[in-house]
Amino acid sequence: MIEKELSSKIGEELKKARKKYKVSAQKIGDVLGYSQSHISGIENGTKIIPNKRFITNYLKFITNSNFSEMNFYINNINEIANGEIQLATYLDDSTSLMNALVNDYEDDTSQINSLKYEKRNGESDKEHFDFPINDIMFHLTDSENPKYFNKIKLSISDKEHINKYIEDYIVLKYKIHLSQLNDLYNKHKINEKSYNQEYYQIDRILKSIKGDNYGKL
């Protein structure tokens, strides 16, 4: 969740952008799954922006996925945020290298700590917990409860190996993206500011996985 004061400033920037493109709050709400009043509340500072994905989806819609125009507003918002949040910029006209990877990396605990399930009557429900029930690492390091894979009980050694395999895979995944990012920068396809923004995000994710001692990127 983005802090209220910052959310209000970003909401004001989003509203200016929306009015420039002559898109109604009702239309954005329909596309993003919010009511018109909720969108207006976010723009006017009475409601909080839920996460960074909301911002990028909002900008993507009003600019009709014109990524150079999106980058203009993303850079403005990053300056407004002054380090409190960092949005990944788009690297070309078809995709953002880090969009799915970085903007989905949230400090938002609402999804990590909540479990959706279907009740016996067929209705869906959601339960919230004070621990990260959806975090695989939580389960692999939980020593209080037995863990199973397809009804096969996992030993301590099993869990340690699985945790290491997942960790190694994710680290490799982001290092590959870093290599791609370096290649784009060296070929002058992105500027230094965009490069530094993307690098910061990858660095942050790797540190969250491996700690400060993961080694030089």
N, C-alpha and C. Protein backbone atom coordinates (compact mmCIF):
# COMPACT_ATOMS: atom_id res chain seq x y z
N MET A 1 0.85 -1.20 0.00
CA MET A 1 0.00 0.00 0.00
C MET A 1 0.88 1.25 0.00
N ILE A 2 0.56 2.22 -0.84
CA ILE A 2 1.31 3.46 -0.94
C ILE A 2 0.81 4.43 0.13
N GLU A 3 1.75 5.13 0.78
CA GLU A 3 1.38 6.05 1.86
C GLU A 3 0.42 7.13 1.35
N LYS A 4 -0.46 7.59 2.25
CA LYS A 4 -1.55 8.50 1.87
C LYS A 4 -1.05 9.79 1.23
N GLU A 5 -0.03 10.42 1.83
CA GLU A 5 0.44 11.70 1.31
C GLU A 5 1.01 11.54 -0.10
N LEU A 6 1.81 10.49 -0.30
CA LEU A 6 2.37 10.24 -1.62
C LEU A 6 1.27 9.84 -2.60
N SER A 7 0.34 9.02 -2.15
CA SER A 7 -0.78 8.59 -3.00
C SER A 7 -1.56 9.78 -3.52
N SER A 8 -1.75 10.78 -2.66
CA SER A 8 -2.49 11.98 -3.05
C SER A 8 -1.75 12.74 -4.16
N LYS A 9 -0.43 12.85 -4.03
CA LYS A 9 0.37 13.56 -5.04
C LYS A 9 0.35 12.82 -6.38
N ILE A 10 0.48 11.49 -6.31
CA ILE A 10 0.45 10.69 -7.54
C ILE A 10 -0.93 10.74 -8.17
N GLY A 11 -1.96 10.69 -7.33
CA GLY A 11 -3.34 10.77 -7.83
C GLY A 11 -3.58 12.05 -8.61
N GLU A 12 -3.02 13.15 -8.12
CA GLU A 12 -3.15 14.44 -8.81
C GLU A 12 -2.48 14.39 -10.18
N GLU A 13 -1.31 13.75 -10.24
CA GLU A 13 -0.60 13.61 -11.51
C GLU A 13 -1.39 12.73 -12.49
N LEU A 14 -1.98 11.66 -11.98
CA LEU A 14 -2.78 10.78 -12.82
C LEU A 14 -4.00 11.51 -13.38
N LYS A 15 -4.62 12.32 -12.53
CA LYS A 15 -5.80 13.07 -12.96
C LYS A 15 -5.45 14.04 -14.09
N LYS A 16 -4.32 14.74 -13.96
CA LYS A 16 -3.89 15.67 -15.01
C LYS A 16 -3.67 14.92 -16.33
N ALA A 17 -3.05 13.74 -16.22
CA ALA A 17 -2.80 12.94 -17.42
C ALA A 17 -4.12 12.48 -18.05
N ARG A 18 -5.05 12.04 -17.21
CA ARG A 18 -6.34 11.56 -17.72
C ARG A 18 -7.08 12.67 -18.47
N LYS A 19 -7.09 13.86 -17.89
CA LYS A 19 -7.79 14.98 -18.51
C LYS A 19 -7.13 15.37 -19.84
N LYS A 20 -5.81 15.25 -19.89
CA LYS A 20 -5.11 15.57 -21.14
C LYS A 20 -5.57 14.64 -22.26
N TYR A 21 -5.75 13.37 -21.93
CA TYR A 21 -6.15 12.39 -22.95
C TYR A 21 -7.67 12.28 -23.09
N LYS A 22 -8.38 13.10 -22.31
CA LYS A 22 -9.85 13.17 -22.40
C LYS A 22 -10.51 11.80 -22.20
N VAL A 23 -10.05 11.12 -21.15
CA VAL A 23 -10.62 9.82 -20.78
C VAL A 23 -11.41 10.02 -19.49
N SER A 24 -12.60 9.46 -19.42
CA SER A 24 -13.42 9.64 -18.22
C SER A 24 -12.98 8.70 -17.10
N ALA A 25 -13.20 9.14 -15.86
CA ALA A 25 -12.91 8.29 -14.70
C ALA A 25 -13.77 7.03 -14.73
N GLN A 26 -14.98 7.16 -15.26
CA GLN A 26 -15.88 6.00 -15.38
C GLN A 26 -15.27 4.94 -16.29
N LYS A 27 -14.70 5.38 -17.42
CA LYS A 27 -14.12 4.44 -18.38
C LYS A 27 -12.91 3.73 -17.78
N ILE A 28 -12.06 4.48 -17.09
CA ILE A 28 -10.90 3.86 -16.45
C ILE A 28 -11.35 2.87 -15.39
N GLY A 29 -12.35 3.26 -14.62
CA GLY A 29 -12.87 2.38 -13.59
C GLY A 29 -13.40 1.08 -14.16
N ASP A 30 -14.10 1.16 -15.28
CA ASP A 30 -14.63 -0.04 -15.93
C ASP A 30 -13.51 -0.99 -16.35
N VAL A 31 -12.44 -0.42 -16.88
CA VAL A 31 -11.32 -1.22 -17.38
C VAL A 31 -10.52 -1.83 -16.22
N LEU A 32 -10.28 -1.04 -15.18
CA LEU A 32 -9.43 -1.49 -14.07
C LEU A 32 -10.21 -2.21 -12.97
N GLY A 33 -11.53 -2.20 -13.07
CA GLY A 33 -12.33 -2.92 -12.09
C GLY A 33 -12.65 -2.12 -10.84
N TYR A 34 -12.76 -0.80 -10.98
CA TYR A 34 -13.10 0.08 -9.85
C TYR A 34 -14.31 0.93 -10.24
N SER A 35 -15.01 1.42 -9.24
CA SER A 35 -16.12 2.32 -9.51
C SER A 35 -15.57 3.70 -9.91
N GLN A 36 -16.42 4.49 -10.56
CA GLN A 36 -16.02 5.85 -10.94
C GLN A 36 -15.67 6.66 -9.70
N SER A 37 -16.43 6.48 -8.62
CA SER A 37 -16.17 7.24 -7.40
C SER A 37 -14.84 6.84 -6.76
N HIS A 38 -14.47 5.57 -6.90
CA HIS A 38 -13.19 5.13 -6.33
C HIS A 38 -12.03 5.74 -7.10
N ILE A 39 -12.13 5.75 -8.43
CA ILE A 39 -11.08 6.38 -9.25
C ILE A 39 -10.96 7.85 -8.90
N SER A 40 -12.10 8.54 -8.78
CA SER A 40 -12.08 9.96 -8.42
C SER A 40 -11.47 10.16 -7.04
N GLY A 41 -11.77 9.25 -6.13
CA GLY A 41 -11.21 9.34 -4.78
C GLY A 41 -9.70 9.21 -4.79
N ILE A 42 -9.18 8.30 -5.62
CA ILE A 42 -7.73 8.14 -5.75
C ILE A 42 -7.11 9.41 -6.33
N GLU A 43 -7.74 9.95 -7.36
CA GLU A 43 -7.21 11.16 -8.01
C GLU A 43 -7.26 12.37 -7.08
N ASN A 44 -8.25 12.43 -6.22
CA ASN A 44 -8.43 13.60 -5.34
C ASN A 44 -7.81 13.41 -3.96
N GLY A 45 -7.20 12.25 -3.73
CA GLY A 45 -6.48 12.04 -2.48
C GLY A 45 -7.29 11.53 -1.32
N THR A 46 -8.56 11.18 -1.54
CA THR A 46 -9.37 10.66 -0.43
C THR A 46 -9.28 9.14 -0.32
N LYS A 47 -8.75 8.50 -1.36
CA LYS A 47 -8.53 7.05 -1.32
C LYS A 47 -7.08 6.75 -1.69
N ILE A 48 -6.56 5.62 -1.20
CA ILE A 48 -5.16 5.27 -1.40
C ILE A 48 -4.99 4.44 -2.67
N ILE A 49 -3.93 4.72 -3.41
CA ILE A 49 -3.57 3.89 -4.56
C ILE A 49 -3.16 2.51 -4.03
N PRO A 50 -3.77 1.42 -4.52
CA PRO A 50 -3.51 0.10 -3.94
C PRO A 50 -2.10 -0.42 -4.13
N ASN A 51 -1.53 -0.22 -5.32
CA ASN A 51 -0.18 -0.73 -5.59
C ASN A 51 0.35 -0.11 -6.89
N LYS A 52 1.60 -0.44 -7.21
CA LYS A 52 2.23 0.15 -8.39
C LYS A 52 1.59 -0.35 -9.69
N ARG A 53 1.08 -1.56 -9.68
CA ARG A 53 0.45 -2.10 -10.88
C ARG A 53 -0.74 -1.25 -11.30
N PHE A 54 -1.46 -0.72 -10.31
CA PHE A 54 -2.59 0.16 -10.62
C PHE A 54 -2.12 1.36 -11.43
N ILE A 55 -1.00 1.96 -11.03
CA ILE A 55 -0.49 3.14 -11.73
C ILE A 55 -0.13 2.82 -13.17
N THR A 56 0.62 1.73 -13.37
CA THR A 56 1.04 1.39 -14.74
C THR A 56 -0.15 1.00 -15.61
N ASN A 57 -1.12 0.28 -15.05
CA ASN A 57 -2.30 -0.08 -15.83
C ASN A 57 -3.13 1.16 -16.19
N TYR A 58 -3.21 2.10 -15.26
CA TYR A 58 -3.92 3.37 -15.48
C TYR A 58 -3.26 4.12 -16.64
N LEU A 59 -1.93 4.25 -16.58
CA LEU A 59 -1.21 4.99 -17.62
C LEU A 59 -1.26 4.25 -18.95
N LYS A 60 -1.18 2.94 -18.90
CA LYS A 60 -1.23 2.15 -20.14
C LYS A 60 -2.55 2.37 -20.86
N PHE A 61 -3.63 2.45 -20.09
CA PHE A 61 -4.95 2.62 -20.71
C PHE A 61 -5.12 4.01 -21.30
N ILE A 62 -4.81 5.05 -20.53
CA ILE A 62 -5.08 6.40 -21.03
C ILE A 62 -4.18 6.78 -22.20
N THR A 63 -2.96 6.20 -22.26
CA THR A 63 -2.04 6.51 -23.36
C THR A 63 -2.19 5.53 -24.52
N ASN A 64 -3.13 4.60 -24.37
CA ASN A 64 -3.33 3.57 -25.40
C ASN A 64 -2.03 2.80 -25.66
N SER A 65 -1.34 2.48 -24.58
CA SER A 65 -0.09 1.70 -24.61
C SER A 65 1.01 2.37 -25.43
N ASN A 66 1.01 3.71 -25.46
CA ASN A 66 2.12 4.43 -26.08
C ASN A 66 3.22 4.55 -25.01
N PHE A 67 4.23 3.68 -25.12
CA PHE A 67 5.17 3.54 -24.02
C PHE A 67 6.11 4.73 -23.85
N SER A 68 6.37 5.46 -24.92
CA SER A 68 7.19 6.66 -24.75
C SER A 68 6.43 7.70 -23.94
N GLU A 69 5.10 7.79 -24.16
CA GLU A 69 4.29 8.71 -23.36
C GLU A 69 4.13 8.19 -21.93
N MET A 70 4.00 6.89 -21.80
CA MET A 70 3.94 6.31 -20.45
C MET A 70 5.19 6.65 -19.66
N ASN A 71 6.35 6.52 -20.31
CA ASN A 71 7.62 6.79 -19.63
C ASN A 71 7.69 8.22 -19.12
N PHE A 72 7.10 9.16 -19.88
CA PHE A 72 7.08 10.56 -19.44
C PHE A 72 6.41 10.67 -18.08
N TYR A 73 5.25 10.04 -17.94
CA TYR A 73 4.51 10.12 -16.67
C TYR A 73 5.16 9.27 -15.58
N ILE A 74 5.72 8.12 -15.98
CA ILE A 74 6.41 7.27 -15.00
C ILE A 74 7.59 8.02 -14.40
N ASN A 75 8.36 8.71 -15.24
CA ASN A 75 9.49 9.48 -14.73
C ASN A 75 9.02 10.63 -13.83
N ASN A 76 7.92 11.28 -14.20
CA ASN A 76 7.36 12.33 -13.35
C ASN A 76 6.97 11.77 -11.98
N ILE A 77 6.31 10.61 -11.99
CA ILE A 77 5.85 10.01 -10.73
C ILE A 77 7.04 9.55 -9.90
N ASN A 78 8.07 9.01 -10.54
CA ASN A 78 9.27 8.61 -9.79
C ASN A 78 9.93 9.82 -9.12
N GLU A 79 9.90 10.96 -9.80
CA GLU A 79 10.45 12.18 -9.20
C GLU A 79 9.59 12.64 -8.03
N ILE A 80 8.27 12.57 -8.19
CA ILE A 80 7.36 12.93 -7.10
C ILE A 80 7.58 12.02 -5.90
N ALA A 81 7.77 10.72 -6.18
CA ALA A 81 7.92 9.73 -5.10
C ALA A 81 9.24 9.89 -4.37
N ASN A 82 10.25 10.40 -5.05
CA ASN A 82 11.55 10.68 -4.42
C ASN A 82 12.10 9.46 -3.68
N GLY A 83 12.00 8.30 -4.33
CA GLY A 83 12.58 7.08 -3.76
C GLY A 83 11.64 6.24 -2.92
N GLU A 84 10.46 6.77 -2.58
CA GLU A 84 9.52 5.99 -1.76
C GLU A 84 8.99 4.79 -2.53
N ILE A 85 8.74 4.98 -3.82
CA ILE A 85 8.45 3.88 -4.72
C ILE A 85 9.23 4.12 -6.00
N GLN A 86 9.41 3.08 -6.80
CA GLN A 86 10.12 3.23 -8.07
C GLN A 86 9.40 2.40 -9.12
N LEU A 87 8.90 3.07 -10.15
CA LEU A 87 8.22 2.37 -11.24
C LEU A 87 9.22 2.06 -12.34
N ALA A 88 9.11 0.87 -12.92
CA ALA A 88 9.97 0.49 -14.03
C ALA A 88 9.51 1.18 -15.30
N THR A 89 10.45 1.75 -16.04
CA THR A 89 10.11 2.38 -17.31
C THR A 89 10.08 1.33 -18.42
N TYR A 90 9.46 1.71 -19.55
CA TYR A 90 9.35 0.80 -20.68
C TYR A 90 10.52 1.01 -21.62
N LEU A 91 11.07 -0.10 -22.12
CA LEU A 91 12.31 -0.03 -22.87
C LEU A 91 12.11 0.06 -24.38
N ASP A 92 10.95 -0.37 -24.88
CA ASP A 92 10.69 -0.25 -26.31
C ASP A 92 9.19 -0.15 -26.53
N ASP A 93 8.76 -0.20 -27.77
CA ASP A 93 7.35 0.01 -28.09
C ASP A 93 6.48 -1.22 -27.89
N SER A 94 7.07 -2.35 -27.51
CA SER A 94 6.26 -3.56 -27.37
C SER A 94 6.22 -4.10 -25.95
N THR A 95 7.24 -3.84 -25.19
CA THR A 95 7.27 -4.45 -23.86
C THR A 95 8.17 -3.67 -22.93
N SER A 96 8.07 -3.94 -21.66
CA SER A 96 9.01 -3.44 -20.67
C SER A 96 9.73 -4.65 -20.11
N LEU A 97 11.04 -4.63 -20.17
CA LEU A 97 11.83 -5.75 -19.68
C LEU A 97 11.45 -6.12 -18.27
N MET A 98 11.22 -5.12 -17.44
CA MET A 98 10.99 -5.40 -16.03
C MET A 98 9.55 -5.19 -15.60
N ASN A 99 8.64 -4.91 -16.53
CA ASN A 99 7.27 -4.60 -16.12
C ASN A 99 6.65 -5.70 -15.29
N ALA A 100 6.58 -6.89 -15.85
CA ALA A 100 5.96 -8.00 -15.12
C ALA A 100 6.81 -8.42 -13.94
N LEU A 101 8.13 -8.31 -14.08
CA LEU A 101 9.02 -8.81 -13.05
C LEU A 101 9.15 -7.87 -11.87
N VAL A 102 9.22 -6.58 -12.15
CA VAL A 102 9.50 -5.62 -11.09
C VAL A 102 8.25 -4.98 -10.52
N ASN A 103 7.35 -4.52 -11.37
CA ASN A 103 6.18 -3.83 -10.84
C ASN A 103 5.26 -4.77 -10.07
N ASP A 104 5.43 -6.08 -10.27
CA ASP A 104 4.67 -7.04 -9.48
C ASP A 104 5.35 -7.33 -8.15
N TYR A 105 6.59 -6.86 -8.00
CA TYR A 105 7.31 -7.09 -6.76
C TYR A 105 6.89 -6.01 -5.77
N GLU A 106 5.90 -6.34 -4.96
CA GLU A 106 5.30 -5.35 -4.08
C GLU A 106 5.59 -5.65 -2.62
N ASP A 107 5.55 -4.61 -1.82
CA ASP A 107 5.56 -4.80 -0.37
C ASP A 107 4.14 -4.95 0.14
N ASP A 108 3.21 -5.16 -0.77
CA ASP A 108 1.80 -5.29 -0.43
C ASP A 108 1.55 -6.67 0.16
N THR A 109 1.17 -6.74 1.45
CA THR A 109 0.98 -8.02 2.11
C THR A 109 -0.41 -8.58 1.90
N SER A 110 -1.29 -7.84 1.22
CA SER A 110 -2.68 -8.29 1.09
C SER A 110 -2.78 -9.61 0.34
N GLN A 111 -1.95 -9.81 -0.67
CA GLN A 111 -1.99 -11.06 -1.42
C GLN A 111 -1.14 -12.14 -0.76
N ILE A 112 -0.03 -11.75 -0.17
CA ILE A 112 0.85 -12.73 0.47
C ILE A 112 0.18 -13.35 1.69
N ASN A 113 -0.61 -12.55 2.40
CA ASN A 113 -1.19 -12.99 3.67
C ASN A 113 -2.65 -13.41 3.59
N SER A 114 -3.21 -13.54 2.39
CA SER A 114 -4.62 -13.90 2.28
C SER A 114 -4.79 -15.14 1.42
N LEU A 115 -5.80 -15.92 1.74
CA LEU A 115 -6.06 -17.18 1.04
C LEU A 115 -7.49 -17.20 0.51
N LYS A 116 -7.62 -17.36 -0.80
CA LYS A 116 -8.94 -17.51 -1.40
C LYS A 116 -9.28 -18.99 -1.48
N TYR A 117 -10.53 -19.32 -1.22
CA TYR A 117 -10.95 -20.72 -1.29
C TYR A 117 -12.44 -20.79 -1.59
N GLU A 118 -12.88 -21.97 -2.02
CA GLU A 118 -14.28 -22.18 -2.35
C GLU A 118 -14.97 -22.92 -1.21
N LYS A 119 -16.08 -22.37 -0.74
CA LYS A 119 -16.83 -23.00 0.34
C LYS A 119 -17.69 -24.14 -0.21
N ARG A 120 -18.26 -24.92 0.69
CA ARG A 120 -19.05 -26.08 0.27
C ARG A 120 -20.25 -25.71 -0.58
N ASN A 121 -20.78 -24.52 -0.36
CA ASN A 121 -21.94 -24.09 -1.14
C ASN A 121 -21.55 -23.52 -2.51
N GLY A 122 -20.25 -23.56 -2.82
CA GLY A 122 -19.79 -23.09 -4.12
C GLY A 122 -19.37 -21.64 -4.15
N GLU A 123 -19.66 -20.90 -3.08
CA GLU A 123 -19.26 -19.49 -3.02
C GLU A 123 -17.78 -19.38 -2.68
N SER A 124 -17.16 -18.32 -3.18
CA SER A 124 -15.74 -18.08 -2.88
C SER A 124 -15.61 -17.17 -1.67
N ASP A 125 -14.54 -17.36 -0.93
CA ASP A 125 -14.29 -16.55 0.25
C ASP A 125 -12.80 -16.29 0.36
N LYS A 126 -12.43 -15.34 1.19
CA LYS A 126 -11.03 -15.01 1.40
C LYS A 126 -10.78 -14.86 2.90
N GLU A 127 -9.68 -15.46 3.36
CA GLU A 127 -9.32 -15.36 4.77
C GLU A 127 -7.94 -14.72 4.88
N HIS A 128 -7.79 -13.80 5.83
CA HIS A 128 -6.52 -13.10 6.02
C HIS A 128 -5.80 -13.65 7.25
N PHE A 129 -4.48 -13.73 7.14
CA PHE A 129 -3.65 -14.26 8.21
C PHE A 129 -2.57 -13.24 8.58
N ASP A 130 -1.97 -13.43 9.75
CA ASP A 130 -0.89 -12.53 10.16
C ASP A 130 0.48 -13.13 9.86
N PHE A 131 0.51 -14.07 8.92
CA PHE A 131 1.76 -14.65 8.44
C PHE A 131 1.63 -14.87 6.93
N PRO A 132 2.75 -14.97 6.20
CA PRO A 132 2.71 -15.04 4.73
C PRO A 132 2.32 -16.42 4.21
N ILE A 133 1.05 -16.72 4.25
CA ILE A 133 0.57 -18.06 3.90
C ILE A 133 0.86 -18.43 2.45
N ASN A 134 0.99 -17.43 1.57
CA ASN A 134 1.25 -17.72 0.15
C ASN A 134 2.72 -17.66 -0.23
N ASP A 135 3.58 -17.46 0.74
CA ASP A 135 5.02 -17.39 0.46
C ASP A 135 5.62 -18.79 0.59
N ILE A 136 6.12 -19.33 -0.50
CA ILE A 136 6.68 -20.68 -0.49
C ILE A 136 7.82 -20.79 0.52
N MET A 137 8.62 -19.73 0.63
CA MET A 137 9.75 -19.78 1.56
C MET A 137 9.27 -19.96 3.00
N PHE A 138 8.13 -19.35 3.33
CA PHE A 138 7.58 -19.51 4.68
C PHE A 138 7.33 -20.99 4.97
N HIS A 139 6.74 -21.69 4.01
CA HIS A 139 6.42 -23.10 4.22
C HIS A 139 7.67 -23.97 4.24
N LEU A 140 8.65 -23.63 3.43
CA LEU A 140 9.87 -24.44 3.38
C LEU A 140 10.76 -24.23 4.60
N THR A 141 10.56 -23.15 5.31
CA THR A 141 11.36 -22.88 6.52
C THR A 141 10.54 -23.04 7.80
N ASP A 142 9.28 -23.39 7.67
CA ASP A 142 8.42 -23.60 8.84
C ASP A 142 8.76 -24.94 9.48
N SER A 143 9.19 -24.90 10.73
CA SER A 143 9.58 -26.12 11.44
C SER A 143 8.49 -26.64 12.37
N GLU A 144 7.38 -25.92 12.46
CA GLU A 144 6.32 -26.30 13.40
C GLU A 144 5.29 -27.24 12.78
N ASN A 145 5.20 -27.24 11.46
CA ASN A 145 4.15 -28.02 10.79
C ASN A 145 4.74 -28.87 9.68
N PRO A 146 4.25 -30.12 9.51
CA PRO A 146 4.74 -30.96 8.42
C PRO A 146 4.32 -30.40 7.07
N LYS A 147 5.14 -30.61 6.06
CA LYS A 147 4.84 -30.14 4.71
C LYS A 147 4.83 -31.34 3.76
N TYR A 148 3.99 -31.23 2.73
CA TYR A 148 3.81 -32.35 1.81
C TYR A 148 3.89 -31.87 0.37
N PHE A 149 4.31 -32.77 -0.50
CA PHE A 149 4.24 -32.54 -1.94
C PHE A 149 3.48 -33.71 -2.55
N ASN A 150 2.26 -33.43 -3.03
CA ASN A 150 1.40 -34.49 -3.58
C ASN A 150 1.26 -35.65 -2.58
N LYS A 151 1.02 -35.29 -1.33
CA LYS A 151 0.79 -36.21 -0.21
C LYS A 151 2.05 -36.91 0.29
N ILE A 152 3.20 -36.58 -0.29
CA ILE A 152 4.47 -37.14 0.18
C ILE A 152 5.07 -36.19 1.19
N LYS A 153 5.31 -36.68 2.39
CA LYS A 153 5.85 -35.82 3.45
C LYS A 153 7.29 -35.45 3.14
N LEU A 154 7.60 -34.18 3.29
CA LEU A 154 8.95 -33.69 3.02
C LEU A 154 9.79 -33.69 4.28
N SER A 155 11.02 -34.16 4.16
CA SER A 155 11.95 -34.11 5.29
C SER A 155 12.58 -32.73 5.38
N ILE A 156 13.30 -32.48 6.45
CA ILE A 156 14.01 -31.20 6.58
C ILE A 156 14.98 -31.02 5.41
N SER A 157 15.67 -32.10 5.07
CA SER A 157 16.62 -32.05 3.95
C SER A 157 15.90 -31.76 2.63
N ASP A 158 14.74 -32.39 2.43
CA ASP A 158 13.94 -32.13 1.22
C ASP A 158 13.64 -30.64 1.10
N LYS A 159 13.15 -30.06 2.19
CA LYS A 159 12.76 -28.65 2.17
C LYS A 159 13.95 -27.74 1.91
N GLU A 160 15.09 -28.08 2.50
CA GLU A 160 16.29 -27.26 2.29
C GLU A 160 16.72 -27.30 0.82
N HIS A 161 16.68 -28.49 0.22
CA HIS A 161 17.08 -28.62 -1.18
C HIS A 161 16.10 -27.89 -2.10
N ILE A 162 14.81 -28.04 -1.85
CA ILE A 162 13.80 -27.36 -2.67
C ILE A 162 13.96 -25.85 -2.57
N ASN A 163 14.18 -25.36 -1.35
CA ASN A 163 14.38 -23.92 -1.14
C ASN A 163 15.59 -23.42 -1.93
N LYS A 164 16.67 -24.21 -1.92
CA LYS A 164 17.89 -23.83 -2.64
C LYS A 164 17.66 -23.85 -4.15
N TYR A 165 16.94 -24.84 -4.65
CA TYR A 165 16.66 -24.91 -6.09
C TYR A 165 15.86 -23.69 -6.56
N ILE A 166 14.84 -23.34 -5.79
CA ILE A 166 14.00 -22.19 -6.16
C ILE A 166 14.82 -20.90 -6.11
N GLU A 167 15.61 -20.77 -5.05
CA GLU A 167 16.43 -19.57 -4.89
C GLU A 167 17.40 -19.42 -6.06
N ASP A 168 18.08 -20.51 -6.40
CA ASP A 168 19.05 -20.47 -7.51
C ASP A 168 18.37 -20.11 -8.82
N TYR A 169 17.18 -20.66 -9.04
CA TYR A 169 16.45 -20.37 -10.28
C TYR A 169 16.08 -18.89 -10.37
N ILE A 170 15.55 -18.33 -9.28
CA ILE A 170 15.11 -16.93 -9.32
C ILE A 170 16.30 -16.00 -9.49
N VAL A 171 17.40 -16.29 -8.80
CA VAL A 171 18.60 -15.47 -8.95
C VAL A 171 19.09 -15.51 -10.39
N LEU A 172 19.13 -16.70 -10.97
CA LEU A 172 19.56 -16.83 -12.37
C LEU A 172 18.63 -16.05 -13.30
N LYS A 173 17.34 -16.15 -13.05
CA LYS A 173 16.35 -15.45 -13.87
C LYS A 173 16.62 -13.95 -13.90
N TYR A 174 16.88 -13.35 -12.74
CA TYR A 174 17.08 -11.91 -12.69
C TYR A 174 18.46 -11.51 -13.20
N LYS A 175 19.44 -12.38 -13.07
CA LYS A 175 20.76 -12.07 -13.62
C LYS A 175 20.72 -12.11 -15.15
N ILE A 176 19.89 -12.98 -15.70
CA ILE A 176 19.71 -13.00 -17.16
C ILE A 176 19.07 -11.69 -17.62
N HIS A 177 18.08 -11.23 -16.87
CA HIS A 177 17.44 -9.95 -17.23
C HIS A 177 18.41 -8.79 -17.07
N LEU A 178 19.29 -8.89 -16.09
CA LEU A 178 20.30 -7.85 -15.94
C LEU A 178 21.23 -7.83 -17.15
N SER A 179 21.60 -9.02 -17.61
CA SER A 179 22.46 -9.11 -18.79
C SER A 179 21.78 -8.50 -20.01
N GLN A 180 20.47 -8.75 -20.15
CA GLN A 180 19.71 -8.15 -21.25
C GLN A 180 19.66 -6.63 -21.11
N LEU A 181 19.50 -6.18 -19.88
CA LEU A 181 19.46 -4.74 -19.62
C LEU A 181 20.79 -4.09 -19.99
N ASN A 182 21.90 -4.73 -19.59
CA ASN A 182 23.23 -4.21 -19.93
C ASN A 182 23.43 -4.15 -21.44
N ASP A 183 22.93 -5.16 -22.13
CA ASP A 183 23.07 -5.19 -23.59
C ASP A 183 22.31 -4.04 -24.24
N LEU A 184 21.10 -3.77 -23.75
CA LEU A 184 20.31 -2.65 -24.29
C LEU A 184 21.02 -1.32 -24.04
N TYR A 185 21.58 -1.18 -22.84
CA TYR A 185 22.27 0.07 -22.50
C TYR A 185 23.53 0.25 -23.35
N ASN A 186 24.30 -0.83 -23.50
CA ASN A 186 25.54 -0.75 -24.28
C ASN A 186 25.28 -0.46 -25.76
N LYS A 187 24.10 -0.85 -26.23
CA LYS A 187 23.72 -0.59 -27.62
C LYS A 187 22.97 0.74 -27.77
N HIS A 188 22.93 1.51 -26.67
CA HIS A 188 22.31 2.84 -26.64
C HIS A 188 20.81 2.80 -26.97
N LYS A 189 20.15 1.70 -26.58
CA LYS A 189 18.71 1.60 -26.80
C LYS A 189 17.92 2.14 -25.61
N ILE A 190 18.59 2.34 -24.49
CA ILE A 190 17.98 2.99 -23.34
C ILE A 190 18.97 4.00 -22.78
N ASN A 191 18.44 5.05 -22.14
CA ASN A 191 19.34 6.06 -21.59
C ASN A 191 19.81 5.67 -20.19
N GLU A 192 20.73 6.46 -19.66
CA GLU A 192 21.34 6.12 -18.37
C GLU A 192 20.32 6.14 -17.23
N LYS A 193 19.39 7.09 -17.29
CA LYS A 193 18.39 7.18 -16.23
C LYS A 193 17.52 5.93 -16.18
N SER A 194 17.05 5.48 -17.34
CA SER A 194 16.24 4.27 -17.40
C SER A 194 17.04 3.06 -16.95
N TYR A 195 18.30 3.01 -17.39
CA TYR A 195 19.17 1.90 -16.98
C TYR A 195 19.32 1.84 -15.47
N ASN A 196 19.58 2.99 -14.86
CA ASN A 196 19.77 3.02 -13.40
C ASN A 196 18.50 2.63 -12.66
N GLN A 197 17.34 3.04 -13.18
CA GLN A 197 16.07 2.68 -12.55
C GLN A 197 15.87 1.17 -12.58
N GLU A 198 16.11 0.55 -13.74
CA GLU A 198 15.91 -0.89 -13.87
C GLU A 198 16.94 -1.65 -13.03
N TYR A 199 18.19 -1.17 -13.05
CA TYR A 199 19.26 -1.82 -12.28
C TYR A 199 18.93 -1.80 -10.79
N TYR A 200 18.44 -0.67 -10.33
CA TYR A 200 18.07 -0.54 -8.92
C TYR A 200 17.02 -1.58 -8.53
N GLN A 201 16.04 -1.79 -9.41
CA GLN A 201 14.97 -2.73 -9.11
C GLN A 201 15.50 -4.16 -9.04
N ILE A 202 16.33 -4.55 -10.00
CA ILE A 202 16.89 -5.90 -9.98
C ILE A 202 17.75 -6.10 -8.75
N ASP A 203 18.56 -5.11 -8.44
CA ASP A 203 19.43 -5.16 -7.27
C ASP A 203 18.60 -5.34 -6.00
N ARG A 204 17.49 -4.63 -5.91
CA ARG A 204 16.63 -4.71 -4.73
C ARG A 204 16.03 -6.11 -4.58
N ILE A 205 15.60 -6.69 -5.70
CA ILE A 205 15.00 -8.02 -5.65
C ILE A 205 16.04 -9.06 -5.25
N LEU A 206 17.23 -8.98 -5.83
CA LEU A 206 18.27 -9.95 -5.49
C LEU A 206 18.67 -9.85 -4.03
N LYS A 207 18.73 -8.63 -3.51
CA LYS A 207 19.06 -8.47 -2.09
C LYS A 207 17.97 -9.04 -1.20
N SER A 208 16.73 -8.95 -1.64
CA SER A 208 15.64 -9.50 -0.83
C SER A 208 15.72 -11.02 -0.79
N ILE A 209 16.30 -11.62 -1.84
CA ILE A 209 16.41 -13.08 -1.92
C ILE A 209 17.67 -13.57 -1.22
N LYS A 210 18.79 -12.93 -1.51
CA LYS A 210 20.09 -13.42 -1.04
C LYS A 210 20.70 -12.60 0.09
N GLY A 211 20.09 -11.47 0.40
CA GLY A 211 20.71 -10.59 1.39
C GLY A 211 21.77 -9.73 0.74
N ASP A 212 22.46 -8.94 1.53
CA ASP A 212 23.45 -8.02 0.99
C ASP A 212 24.70 -8.73 0.48
N ASN A 213 24.83 -10.02 0.75
CA ASN A 213 26.05 -10.74 0.39
C ASN A 213 25.87 -11.63 -0.83
N TYR A 214 24.93 -11.27 -1.71
CA TYR A 214 24.69 -12.12 -2.87
C TYR A 214 25.80 -12.01 -3.90
N GLY A 215 26.70 -11.03 -3.76
CA GLY A 215 27.79 -10.87 -4.71
C GLY A 215 27.53 -9.74 -5.68
N LYS A 216 28.57 -9.32 -6.33
CA LYS A 216 28.47 -8.20 -7.27
C LYS A 216 27.70 -8.64 -8.50
N LEU A 217 26.75 -7.81 -8.93
CA LEU A 217 25.97 -8.13 -10.14
C LEU A 217 26.85 -8.04 -11.38
